[in-house]
Amino acid sequence: MDTIIQELISYDRQAREILQGAVQAKEQAEKELPAEEEKLYHDFLQRAKERTDRIQEQMAGSHRGELAKLEEIYLQESQRLKKAFEENRQQWEQELFDRCVTAQ
């Protein structure tokens, strides 16, 4: 009978130790929870910022490509107009002069 009582006391002691460990783990988790929430929040914000930065960079890259195409078109058109001006300059000057003189 004494051995049974001793075993029951041992089981009770083990149960109390397990319970005490669980209570301490719960208290520790409750203490760490705000810091963990803060960390998760900042991690989320950081990931969101990185994602928006990547998207902005992609958009800027596509705009750079479009801008380069427009600059190329501008240069080609500018050269075409300069060439047309040089080829027709004397003719246009003469025509303008003739119109001014005959208008009087």
PDB file of N, CA and C in Angstrom:
ATOM      1  N   MET A   1       0.827  -1.179   0.000  1.00  0.00           N
ATOM      2  CA  MET A   1       0.000   0.000   0.000  1.00  0.00           C
ATOM      3  C   MET A   1       0.882   1.257   0.000  1.00  0.00           C
ATOM      4  N   ASP A   2       1.961   1.209   0.781  1.00  0.00           N
ATOM      5  CA  ASP A   2       2.866   2.355   0.819  1.00  0.00           C
ATOM      6  C   ASP A   2       3.460   2.625  -0.568  1.00  0.00           C
ATOM      7  N   THR A   3       3.752   1.593  -1.288  1.00  0.00           N
ATOM      8  CA  THR A   3       4.329   1.790  -2.623  1.00  0.00           C
ATOM      9  C   THR A   3       3.322   2.439  -3.565  1.00  0.00           C
ATOM     10  N   ILE A   4       2.064   2.101  -3.423  1.00  0.00           N
ATOM     11  CA  ILE A   4       1.031   2.701  -4.264  1.00  0.00           C
ATOM     12  C   ILE A   4       0.904   4.183  -3.929  1.00  0.00           C
ATOM     13  N   ILE A   5       0.925   4.502  -2.631  1.00  0.00           N
ATOM     14  CA  ILE A   5       0.835   5.907  -2.216  1.00  0.00           C
ATOM     15  C   ILE A   5       2.063   6.665  -2.699  1.00  0.00           C
ATOM     16  N   GLN A   6       3.224   6.046  -2.600  1.00  0.00           N
ATOM     17  CA  GLN A   6       4.464   6.665  -3.073  1.00  0.00           C
ATOM     18  C   GLN A   6       4.395   6.928  -4.593  1.00  0.00           C
ATOM     19  N   GLU A   7       3.840   5.961  -5.329  1.00  0.00           N
ATOM     20  CA  GLU A   7       3.704   6.133  -6.781  1.00  0.00           C
ATOM     21  C   GLU A   7       2.729   7.265  -7.105  1.00  0.00           C
ATOM     22  N   LEU A   8       1.626   7.329  -6.357  1.00  0.00           N
ATOM     23  CA  LEU A   8       0.645   8.396  -6.569  1.00  0.00           C
ATOM     24  C   LEU A   8       1.268   9.760  -6.270  1.00  0.00           C
ATOM     25  N   ILE A   9       2.038   9.829  -5.196  1.00  0.00           N
ATOM     26  CA  ILE A   9       2.714  11.085  -4.859  1.00  0.00           C
ATOM     27  C   ILE A   9       3.720  11.451  -5.962  1.00  0.00           C
ATOM     28  N   SER A  10       4.421  10.456  -6.492  1.00  0.00           N
ATOM     29  CA  SER A  10       5.390  10.688  -7.569  1.00  0.00           C
ATOM     30  C   SER A  10       4.677  11.183  -8.830  1.00  0.00           C
ATOM     31  N   TYR A  11       3.549  10.558  -9.159  1.00  0.00           N
ATOM     32  CA  TYR A  11       2.775  10.991 -10.327  1.00  0.00           C
ATOM     33  C   TYR A  11       2.244  12.400 -10.136  1.00  0.00           C
ATOM     34  N   ASP A  12       1.821  12.686  -8.899  1.00  0.00           N
ATOM     35  CA  ASP A  12       1.311  14.024  -8.609  1.00  0.00           C
ATOM     36  C   ASP A  12       2.420  15.061  -8.772  1.00  0.00           C
ATOM     37  N   ARG A  13       3.612  14.737  -8.270  1.00  0.00           N
ATOM     38  CA  ARG A  13       4.749  15.631  -8.392  1.00  0.00           C
ATOM     39  C   ARG A  13       5.096  15.867  -9.869  1.00  0.00           C
ATOM     40  N   GLN A  14       5.111  14.808 -10.660  1.00  0.00           N
ATOM     41  CA  GLN A  14       5.410  14.918 -12.089  1.00  0.00           C
ATOM     42  C   GLN A  14       4.348  15.779 -12.800  1.00  0.00           C
ATOM     43  N   ALA A  15       3.095  15.575 -12.421  1.00  0.00           N
ATOM     44  CA  ALA A  15       2.012  16.349 -13.033  1.00  0.00           C
ATOM     45  C   ALA A  15       2.158  17.829 -12.689  1.00  0.00           C
ATOM     46  N   ARG A  16       2.527  18.113 -11.420  1.00  0.00           N
ATOM     47  CA  ARG A  16       2.726  19.509 -11.022  1.00  0.00           C
ATOM     48  C   ARG A  16       3.896  20.140 -11.770  1.00  0.00           C
ATOM     49  N   GLU A  17       4.960  19.376 -11.949  1.00  0.00           N
ATOM     50  CA  GLU A  17       6.108  19.888 -12.692  1.00  0.00           C
ATOM     51  C   GLU A  17       5.743  20.165 -14.152  1.00  0.00           C
ATOM     52  N   ILE A  18       4.990  19.253 -14.736  1.00  0.00           N
ATOM     53  CA  ILE A  18       4.545  19.446 -16.120  1.00  0.00           C
ATOM     54  C   ILE A  18       3.647  20.673 -16.205  1.00  0.00           C
ATOM     55  N   LEU A  19       2.727  20.800 -15.243  1.00  0.00           N
ATOM     56  CA  LEU A  19       1.819  21.939 -15.216  1.00  0.00           C
ATOM     57  C   LEU A  19       2.592  23.241 -15.018  1.00  0.00           C
ATOM     58  N   GLN A  20       3.541  23.228 -14.116  1.00  0.00           N
ATOM     59  CA  GLN A  20       4.341  24.417 -13.867  1.00  0.00           C
ATOM     60  C   GLN A  20       5.139  24.795 -15.118  1.00  0.00           C
ATOM     61  N   GLY A  21       5.689  23.808 -15.794  1.00  0.00           N
ATOM     62  CA  GLY A  21       6.419  24.065 -17.048  1.00  0.00           C
ATOM     63  C   GLY A  21       5.491  24.659 -18.104  1.00  0.00           C
ATOM     64  N   ALA A  22       4.282  24.140 -18.176  1.00  0.00           N
ATOM     65  CA  ALA A  22       3.319  24.662 -19.151  1.00  0.00           C
ATOM     66  C   ALA A  22       2.927  26.095 -18.818  1.00  0.00           C
ATOM     67  N   VAL A  23       2.723  26.378 -17.532  1.00  0.00           N
ATOM     68  CA  VAL A  23       2.370  27.734 -17.108  1.00  0.00           C
ATOM     69  C   VAL A  23       3.520  28.690 -17.428  1.00  0.00           C
ATOM     70  N   GLN A  24       4.744  28.271 -17.148  1.00  0.00           N
ATOM     71  CA  GLN A  24       5.904  29.118 -17.453  1.00  0.00           C
ATOM     72  C   GLN A  24       6.044  29.342 -18.966  1.00  0.00           C
ATOM     73  N   ALA A  25       5.808  28.297 -19.749  1.00  0.00           N
ATOM     74  CA  ALA A  25       5.890  28.426 -21.209  1.00  0.00           C
ATOM     75  C   ALA A  25       4.818  29.391 -21.709  1.00  0.00           C
ATOM     76  N   LYS A  26       3.617  29.304 -21.129  1.00  0.00           N
ATOM     77  CA  LYS A  26       2.534  30.204 -21.514  1.00  0.00           C
ATOM     78  C   LYS A  26       2.893  31.650 -21.167  1.00  0.00           C
ATOM     79  N   GLU A  27       3.416  31.864 -19.947  1.00  0.00           N
ATOM     80  CA  GLU A  27       3.801  33.214 -19.541  1.00  0.00           C
ATOM     81  C   GLU A  27       4.908  33.764 -20.430  1.00  0.00           C
ATOM     82  N   GLN A  28       5.873  32.916 -20.766  1.00  0.00           N
ATOM     83  CA  GLN A  28       6.967  33.333 -21.641  1.00  0.00           C
ATOM     84  C   GLN A  28       6.426  33.688 -23.027  1.00  0.00           C
ATOM     85  N   ALA A  29       5.526  32.886 -23.547  1.00  0.00           N
ATOM     86  CA  ALA A  29       4.936  33.151 -24.864  1.00  0.00           C
ATOM     87  C   ALA A  29       4.147  34.455 -24.848  1.00  0.00           C
ATOM     88  N   GLU A  30       3.428  34.709 -23.768  1.00  0.00           N
ATOM     89  CA  GLU A  30       2.668  35.959 -23.656  1.00  0.00           C
ATOM     90  C   GLU A  30       3.597  37.171 -23.592  1.00  0.00           C
ATOM     91  N   LYS A  31       4.768  37.003 -22.964  1.00  0.00           N
ATOM     92  CA  LYS A  31       5.742  38.091 -22.913  1.00  0.00           C
ATOM     93  C   LYS A  31       6.356  38.343 -24.297  1.00  0.00           C
ATOM     94  N   GLU A  32       6.606  37.277 -25.038  1.00  0.00           N
ATOM     95  CA  GLU A  32       7.264  37.390 -26.337  1.00  0.00           C
ATOM     96  C   GLU A  32       6.298  37.776 -27.452  1.00  0.00           C
ATOM     97  N   LEU A  33       5.015  37.596 -27.246  1.00  0.00           N
ATOM     98  CA  LEU A  33       4.022  37.832 -28.285  1.00  0.00           C
ATOM     99  C   LEU A  33       4.059  39.249 -28.868  1.00  0.00           C
ATOM    100  N   PRO A  34       4.071  40.307 -28.052  1.00  0.00           N
ATOM    101  CA  PRO A  34       4.113  41.654 -28.649  1.00  0.00           C
ATOM    102  C   PRO A  34       5.355  41.884 -29.526  1.00  0.00           C
ATOM    103  N   ALA A  35       6.486  41.403 -29.062  1.00  0.00           N
ATOM    104  CA  ALA A  35       7.714  41.566 -29.851  1.00  0.00           C
ATOM    105  C   ALA A  35       7.617  40.773 -31.160  1.00  0.00           C
ATOM    106  N   GLU A  36       7.053  39.597 -31.087  1.00  0.00           N
ATOM    107  CA  GLU A  36       6.886  38.771 -32.284  1.00  0.00           C
ATOM    108  C   GLU A  36       5.905  39.423 -33.264  1.00  0.00           C
ATOM    109  N   GLU A  37       4.822  39.982 -32.722  1.00  0.00           N
ATOM    110  CA  GLU A  37       3.863  40.689 -33.572  1.00  0.00           C
ATOM    111  C   GLU A  37       4.532  41.873 -34.263  1.00  0.00           C
ATOM    112  N   GLU A  38       5.327  42.608 -33.514  1.00  0.00           N
ATOM    113  CA  GLU A  38       6.037  43.763 -34.066  1.00  0.00           C
ATOM    114  C   GLU A  38       6.997  43.315 -35.166  1.00  0.00           C
ATOM    115  N   LYS A  39       7.710  42.238 -34.922  1.00  0.00           N
ATOM    116  CA  LYS A  39       8.652  41.717 -35.911  1.00  0.00           C
ATOM    117  C   LYS A  39       7.908  41.292 -37.176  1.00  0.00           C
ATOM    118  N   LEU A  40       6.822  40.564 -37.031  1.00  0.00           N
ATOM    119  CA  LEU A  40       6.037  40.132 -38.183  1.00  0.00           C
ATOM    120  C   LEU A  40       5.508  41.331 -38.971  1.00  0.00           C
ATOM    121  N   TYR A  41       5.042  42.351 -38.257  1.00  0.00           N
ATOM    122  CA  TYR A  41       4.525  43.555 -38.894  1.00  0.00           C
ATOM    123  C   TYR A  41       5.619  44.235 -39.724  1.00  0.00           C
ATOM    124  N   HIS A  42       6.810  44.388 -39.131  1.00  0.00           N
ATOM    125  CA  HIS A  42       7.915  45.031 -39.839  1.00  0.00           C
ATOM    126  C   HIS A  42       8.390  44.179 -41.019  1.00  0.00           C
ATOM    127  N   ASP A  43       8.409  42.858 -40.830  1.00  0.00           N
ATOM    128  CA  ASP A  43       8.774  41.968 -41.932  1.00  0.00           C
ATOM    129  C   ASP A  43       7.784  42.117 -43.087  1.00  0.00           C
ATOM    130  N   PHE A  44       6.502  42.181 -42.760  1.00  0.00           N
ATOM    131  CA  PHE A  44       5.472  42.348 -43.774  1.00  0.00           C
ATOM    132  C   PHE A  44       5.669  43.666 -44.513  1.00  0.00           C
ATOM    133  N   LEU A  45       5.898  44.746 -43.765  1.00  0.00           N
ATOM    134  CA  LEU A  45       6.120  46.042 -44.399  1.00  0.00           C
ATOM    135  C   LEU A  45       7.351  46.023 -45.297  1.00  0.00           C
ATOM    136  N   GLN A  46       8.398  45.368 -44.840  1.00  0.00           N
ATOM    137  CA  GLN A  46       9.635  45.288 -45.622  1.00  0.00           C
ATOM    138  C   GLN A  46       9.394  44.536 -46.926  1.00  0.00           C
ATOM    139  N   ARG A  47       8.686  43.401 -46.846  1.00  0.00           N
ATOM    140  CA  ARG A  47       8.393  42.635 -48.064  1.00  0.00           C
ATOM    141  C   ARG A  47       7.522  43.448 -49.020  1.00  0.00           C
ATOM    142  N   ALA A  48       6.547  44.163 -48.477  1.00  0.00           N
ATOM    143  CA  ALA A  48       5.673  44.990 -49.314  1.00  0.00           C
ATOM    144  C   ALA A  48       6.486  46.094 -49.995  1.00  0.00           C
ATOM    145  N   LYS A  49       7.395  46.711 -49.248  1.00  0.00           N
ATOM    146  CA  LYS A  49       8.236  47.776 -49.827  1.00  0.00           C
ATOM    147  C   LYS A  49       9.133  47.215 -50.922  1.00  0.00           C
ATOM    148  N   GLU A  50       9.717  46.053 -50.686  1.00  0.00           N
ATOM    149  CA  GLU A  50      10.580  45.435 -51.694  1.00  0.00           C
ATOM    150  C   GLU A  50       9.787  45.119 -52.960  1.00  0.00           C
ATOM    151  N   ARG A  51       8.572  44.641 -52.770  1.00  0.00           N
ATOM    152  CA  ARG A  51       7.731  44.307 -53.922  1.00  0.00           C
ATOM    153  C   ARG A  51       7.367  45.570 -54.711  1.00  0.00           C
ATOM    154  N   THR A  52       6.969  46.624 -54.014  1.00  0.00           N
ATOM    155  CA  THR A  52       6.625  47.858 -54.723  1.00  0.00           C
ATOM    156  C   THR A  52       7.862  48.454 -55.403  1.00  0.00           C
ATOM    157  N   ASP A  53       9.021  48.330 -54.767  1.00  0.00           N
ATOM    158  CA  ASP A  53      10.259  48.815 -55.392  1.00  0.00           C
ATOM    159  C   ASP A  53      10.549  48.048 -56.683  1.00  0.00           C
ATOM    160  N   ARG A  54      10.355  46.707 -56.646  1.00  0.00           N
ATOM    161  CA  ARG A  54      10.573  45.897 -57.848  1.00  0.00           C
ATOM    162  C   ARG A  54       9.610  46.306 -58.959  1.00  0.00           C
ATOM    163  N   ILE A  55       8.355  46.515 -58.598  1.00  0.00           N
ATOM    164  CA  ILE A  55       7.357  46.909 -59.589  1.00  0.00           C
ATOM    165  C   ILE A  55       7.703  48.271 -60.176  1.00  0.00           C
ATOM    166  N   GLN A  56       8.093  49.211 -59.316  1.00  0.00           N
ATOM    167  CA  GLN A  56       8.481  50.538 -59.810  1.00  0.00           C
ATOM    168  C   GLN A  56       9.692  50.448 -60.730  1.00  0.00           C
ATOM    169  N   GLU A  57      10.646  49.607 -60.383  1.00  0.00           N
ATOM    170  CA  GLU A  57      11.839  49.443 -61.211  1.00  0.00           C
ATOM    171  C   GLU A  57      11.463  48.845 -62.564  1.00  0.00           C
ATOM    172  N   GLN A  58      10.565  47.873 -62.570  1.00  0.00           N
ATOM    173  CA  GLN A  58      10.114  47.286 -63.830  1.00  0.00           C
ATOM    174  C   GLN A  58       9.413  48.330 -64.694  1.00  0.00           C
ATOM    175  N   MET A  59       8.567  49.121 -64.046  1.00  0.00           N
ATOM    176  CA  MET A  59       7.856  50.159 -64.782  1.00  0.00           C
ATOM    177  C   MET A  59       8.834  51.201 -65.325  1.00  0.00           C
ATOM    178  N   ALA A  60       9.793  51.582 -64.512  1.00  0.00           N
ATOM    179  CA  ALA A  60      10.791  52.561 -64.954  1.00  0.00           C
ATOM    180  C   ALA A  60      11.601  51.984 -66.105  1.00  0.00           C
ATOM    181  N   GLY A  61      11.908  50.708 -66.038  1.00  0.00           N
ATOM    182  CA  GLY A  61      12.656  50.060 -67.118  1.00  0.00           C
ATOM    183  C   GLY A  61      11.879  50.077 -68.419  1.00  0.00           C
ATOM    184  N   SER A  62      10.596  49.796 -68.342  1.00  0.00           N
ATOM    185  CA  SER A  62       9.798  49.815 -69.567  1.00  0.00           C
ATOM    186  C   SER A  62       9.670  51.241 -70.090  1.00  0.00           C
ATOM    187  N   HIS A  63       9.577  52.209 -69.190  1.00  0.00           N
ATOM    188  CA  HIS A  63       9.513  53.604 -69.625  1.00  0.00           C
ATOM    189  C   HIS A  63      10.835  54.055 -70.243  1.00  0.00           C
ATOM    190  N   ARG A  64      11.931  53.549 -69.700  1.00  0.00           N
ATOM    191  CA  ARG A  64      13.240  53.889 -70.279  1.00  0.00           C
ATOM    192  C   ARG A  64      13.325  53.372 -71.708  1.00  0.00           C
ATOM    193  N   GLY A  65      12.807  52.161 -71.926  1.00  0.00           N
ATOM    194  CA  GLY A  65      12.813  51.594 -73.271  1.00  0.00           C
ATOM    195  C   GLY A  65      11.966  52.422 -74.222  1.00  0.00           C
ATOM    196  N   GLU A  66      10.791  52.827 -73.764  1.00  0.00           N
ATOM    197  CA  GLU A  66       9.922  53.656 -74.592  1.00  0.00           C
ATOM    198  C   GLU A  66      10.567  55.013 -74.866  1.00  0.00           C
ATOM    199  N   LEU A  67      11.195  55.572 -73.851  1.00  0.00           N
ATOM    200  CA  LEU A  67      11.873  56.864 -74.017  1.00  0.00           C
ATOM    201  C   LEU A  67      13.006  56.751 -75.029  1.00  0.00           C
ATOM    202  N   ALA A  68      13.758  55.677 -74.973  1.00  0.00           N
ATOM    203  CA  ALA A  68      14.852  55.483 -75.932  1.00  0.00           C
ATOM    204  C   ALA A  68      14.298  55.385 -77.351  1.00  0.00           C
ATOM    205  N   LYS A  69      13.180  54.686 -77.516  1.00  0.00           N
ATOM    206  CA  LYS A  69      12.565  54.590 -78.843  1.00  0.00           C
ATOM    207  C   LYS A  69      12.118  55.968 -79.337  1.00  0.00           C
ATOM    208  N   LEU A  70      11.499  56.736 -78.446  1.00  0.00           N
ATOM    209  CA  LEU A  70      11.050  58.077 -78.825  1.00  0.00           C
ATOM    210  C   LEU A  70      12.230  58.984 -79.175  1.00  0.00           C
ATOM    211  N   GLU A  71      13.308  58.877 -78.425  1.00  0.00           N
ATOM    212  CA  GLU A  71      14.494  59.677 -78.729  1.00  0.00           C
ATOM    213  C   GLU A  71      15.059  59.301 -80.094  1.00  0.00           C
ATOM    214  N   GLU A  72      15.063  58.014 -80.403  1.00  0.00           N
ATOM    215  CA  GLU A  72      15.549  57.560 -81.702  1.00  0.00           C
ATOM    216  C   GLU A  72      14.669  58.110 -82.819  1.00  0.00           C
ATOM    217  N   ILE A  73      13.354  58.061 -82.638  1.00  0.00           N
ATOM    218  CA  ILE A  73      12.428  58.613 -83.631  1.00  0.00           C
ATOM    219  C   ILE A  73      12.663  60.110 -83.789  1.00  0.00           C
ATOM    220  N   TYR A  74      12.845  60.805 -82.662  1.00  0.00           N
ATOM    221  CA  TYR A  74      13.113  62.249 -82.702  1.00  0.00           C
ATOM    222  C   TYR A  74      14.378  62.545 -83.497  1.00  0.00           C
ATOM    223  N   LEU A  75      15.438  61.811 -83.244  1.00  0.00           N
ATOM    224  CA  LEU A  75      16.695  62.038 -83.958  1.00  0.00           C
ATOM    225  C   LEU A  75      16.536  61.787 -85.449  1.00  0.00           C
ATOM    226  N   GLN A  76      15.852  60.723 -85.792  1.00  0.00           N
ATOM    227  CA  GLN A  76      15.645  60.418 -87.209  1.00  0.00           C
ATOM    228  C   GLN A  76      14.833  61.521 -87.886  1.00  0.00           C
ATOM    229  N   GLU A  77      13.767  61.944 -87.248  1.00  0.00           N
ATOM    230  CA  GLU A  77      12.904  62.986 -87.791  1.00  0.00           C
ATOM    231  C   GLU A  77      13.663  64.306 -87.894  1.00  0.00           C
ATOM    232  N   SER A  78      14.468  64.620 -86.880  1.00  0.00           N
ATOM    233  CA  SER A  78      15.264  65.840 -86.889  1.00  0.00           C
ATOM    234  C   SER A  78      16.254  65.818 -88.051  1.00  0.00           C
ATOM    235  N   GLN A  79      16.897  64.706 -88.264  1.00  0.00           N
ATOM    236  CA  GLN A  79      17.846  64.581 -89.368  1.00  0.00           C
ATOM    237  C   GLN A  79      17.128  64.687 -90.714  1.00  0.00           C
ATOM    238  N   ARG A  80      15.958  64.094 -90.824  1.00  0.00           N
ATOM    239  CA  ARG A  80      15.185  64.162 -92.063  1.00  0.00           C
ATOM    240  C   ARG A  80      14.811  65.615 -92.379  1.00  0.00           C
ATOM    241  N   LEU A  81      14.364  66.349 -91.328  1.00  0.00           N
ATOM    242  CA  LEU A  81      13.991  67.747 -91.542  1.00  0.00           C
ATOM    243  C   LEU A  81      15.199  68.610 -91.905  1.00  0.00           C
ATOM    244  N   LYS A  82      16.332  68.382 -91.262  1.00  0.00           N
ATOM    245  CA  LYS A  82      17.553  69.134 -91.589  1.00  0.00           C
ATOM    246  C   LYS A  82      17.976  68.880 -93.035  1.00  0.00           C
ATOM    247  N   LYS A  83      17.891  67.618 -93.440  1.00  0.00           N
ATOM    248  CA  LYS A  83      18.259  67.260 -94.805  1.00  0.00           C
ATOM    249  C   LYS A  83      17.309  67.943 -95.796  1.00  0.00           C
ATOM    250  N   ALA A  84      16.010  67.905 -95.495  1.00  0.00           N
ATOM    251  CA  ALA A  84      15.028  68.551 -96.373  1.00  0.00           C
ATOM    252  C   ALA A  84      15.283  70.045 -96.430  1.00  0.00           C
ATOM    253  N   PHE A  85      15.622  70.643 -95.310  1.00  0.00           N
ATOM    254  CA  PHE A  85      15.914  72.080 -95.282  1.00  0.00           C
ATOM    255  C   PHE A  85      17.129  72.407 -96.146  1.00  0.00           C
ATOM    256  N   GLU A  86      18.199  71.650 -95.978  1.00  0.00           N
ATOM    257  CA  GLU A  86      19.420  71.902 -96.748  1.00  0.00           C
ATOM    258  C   GLU A  86      19.173  71.703 -98.236  1.00  0.00           C
ATOM    259  N   GLU A  87      18.372  70.690 -98.593  1.00  0.00           N
ATOM    260  CA  GLU A  87      18.106  70.430-100.005  1.00  0.00           C
ATOM    261  C   GLU A  87      17.227  71.517-100.632  1.00  0.00           C
ATOM    262  N   ASN A  88      16.309  72.085 -99.857  1.00  0.00           N
ATOM    263  CA  ASN A  88      15.331  73.026-100.406  1.00  0.00           C
ATOM    264  C   ASN A  88      15.549  74.471 -99.969  1.00  0.00           C
ATOM    265  N   ARG A  89      16.595  74.707 -99.262  1.00  0.00           N
ATOM    266  CA  ARG A  89      16.821  76.036 -98.668  1.00  0.00           C
ATOM    267  C   ARG A  89      16.830  77.148 -99.715  1.00  0.00           C
ATOM    268  N   GLN A  90      17.639  76.996-100.728  1.00  0.00           N
ATOM    269  CA  GLN A  90      17.750  78.050-101.742  1.00  0.00           C
ATOM    270  C   GLN A  90      16.423  78.258-102.469  1.00  0.00           C
ATOM    271  N   GLN A  91      15.763  77.172-102.778  1.00  0.00           N
ATOM    272  CA  GLN A  91      14.472  77.270-103.459  1.00  0.00           C
ATOM    273  C   GLN A  91      13.450  78.005-102.599  1.00  0.00           C
ATOM    274  N   TRP A  92      13.411  77.665-101.295  1.00  0.00           N
ATOM    275  CA  TRP A  92      12.447  78.301-100.395  1.00  0.00           C
ATOM    276  C   TRP A  92      12.771  79.785-100.204  1.00  0.00           C
ATOM    277  N   GLU A  93      14.057  80.084-100.095  1.00  0.00           N
ATOM    278  CA  GLU A  93      14.449  81.482 -99.944  1.00  0.00           C
ATOM    279  C   GLU A  93      14.031  82.293-101.172  1.00  0.00           C
ATOM    280  N   GLN A  94      14.284  81.716-102.336  1.00  0.00           N
ATOM    281  CA  GLN A  94      13.919  82.411-103.572  1.00  0.00           C
ATOM    282  C   GLN A  94      12.397  82.588-103.673  1.00  0.00           C
ATOM    283  N   GLU A  95      11.663  81.534-103.318  1.00  0.00           N
ATOM    284  CA  GLU A  95      10.204  81.601-103.374  1.00  0.00           C
ATOM    285  C   GLU A  95       9.679  82.639-102.390  1.00  0.00           C
ATOM    286  N   LEU A  96      10.233  82.695-101.218  1.00  0.00           N
ATOM    287  CA  LEU A  96       9.819  83.683-100.212  1.00  0.00           C
ATOM    288  C   LEU A  96      10.142  85.098-100.710  1.00  0.00           C
ATOM    289  N   PHE A  97      11.318  85.254-101.265  1.00  0.00           N
ATOM    290  CA  PHE A  97      11.714  86.564-101.806  1.00  0.00           C
ATOM    291  C   PHE A  97      10.762  86.998-102.925  1.00  0.00           C
ATOM    292  N   ASP A  98      10.464  86.067-103.829  1.00  0.00           N
ATOM    293  CA  ASP A  98       9.566  86.374-104.943  1.00  0.00           C
ATOM    294  C   ASP A  98       8.189  86.746-104.453  1.00  0.00           C
ATOM    295  N   ARG A  99       7.677  86.060-103.485  1.00  0.00           N
ATOM    296  CA  ARG A  99       6.348  86.375-102.944  1.00  0.00           C
ATOM    297  C   ARG A  99       6.333  87.744-102.280  1.00  0.00           C
ATOM    298  N   CYS A 100       7.405  88.067-101.577  1.00  0.00           N
ATOM    299  CA  CYS A 100       7.468  89.373-100.912  1.00  0.00           C
ATOM    300  C   CYS A 100       7.553  90.499-101.947  1.00  0.00           C
ATOM    301  N   VAL A 101       8.315  90.317-102.962  1.00  0.00           N
ATOM    302  CA  VAL A 101       8.520  91.353-103.966  1.00  0.00           C
ATOM    303  C   VAL A 101       7.260  91.529-104.816  1.00  0.00           C
ATOM    304  N   THR A 102       6.610  90.451-105.195  1.00  0.00           N
ATOM    305  CA  THR A 102       5.429  90.547-106.049  1.00  0.00           C
ATOM    306  C   THR A 102       4.190  90.959-105.276  1.00  0.00           C
ATOM    307  N   ALA A 103       4.218  90.841-103.992  1.00  0.00           N
ATOM    308  CA  ALA A 103       3.046  91.228-103.180  1.00  0.00           C
ATOM    309  C   ALA A 103       2.885  92.733-103.123  1.00  0.00           C
ATOM    310  N   GLN A 104       3.871  93.484-103.433  1.00  0.00           N
ATOM    311  CA  GLN A 104       3.796  94.957-103.343  1.00  0.00           C
ATOM    312  C   GLN A 104       3.193  95.566-104.543  1.00  0.00           C
TER     313      GLN A 104
END
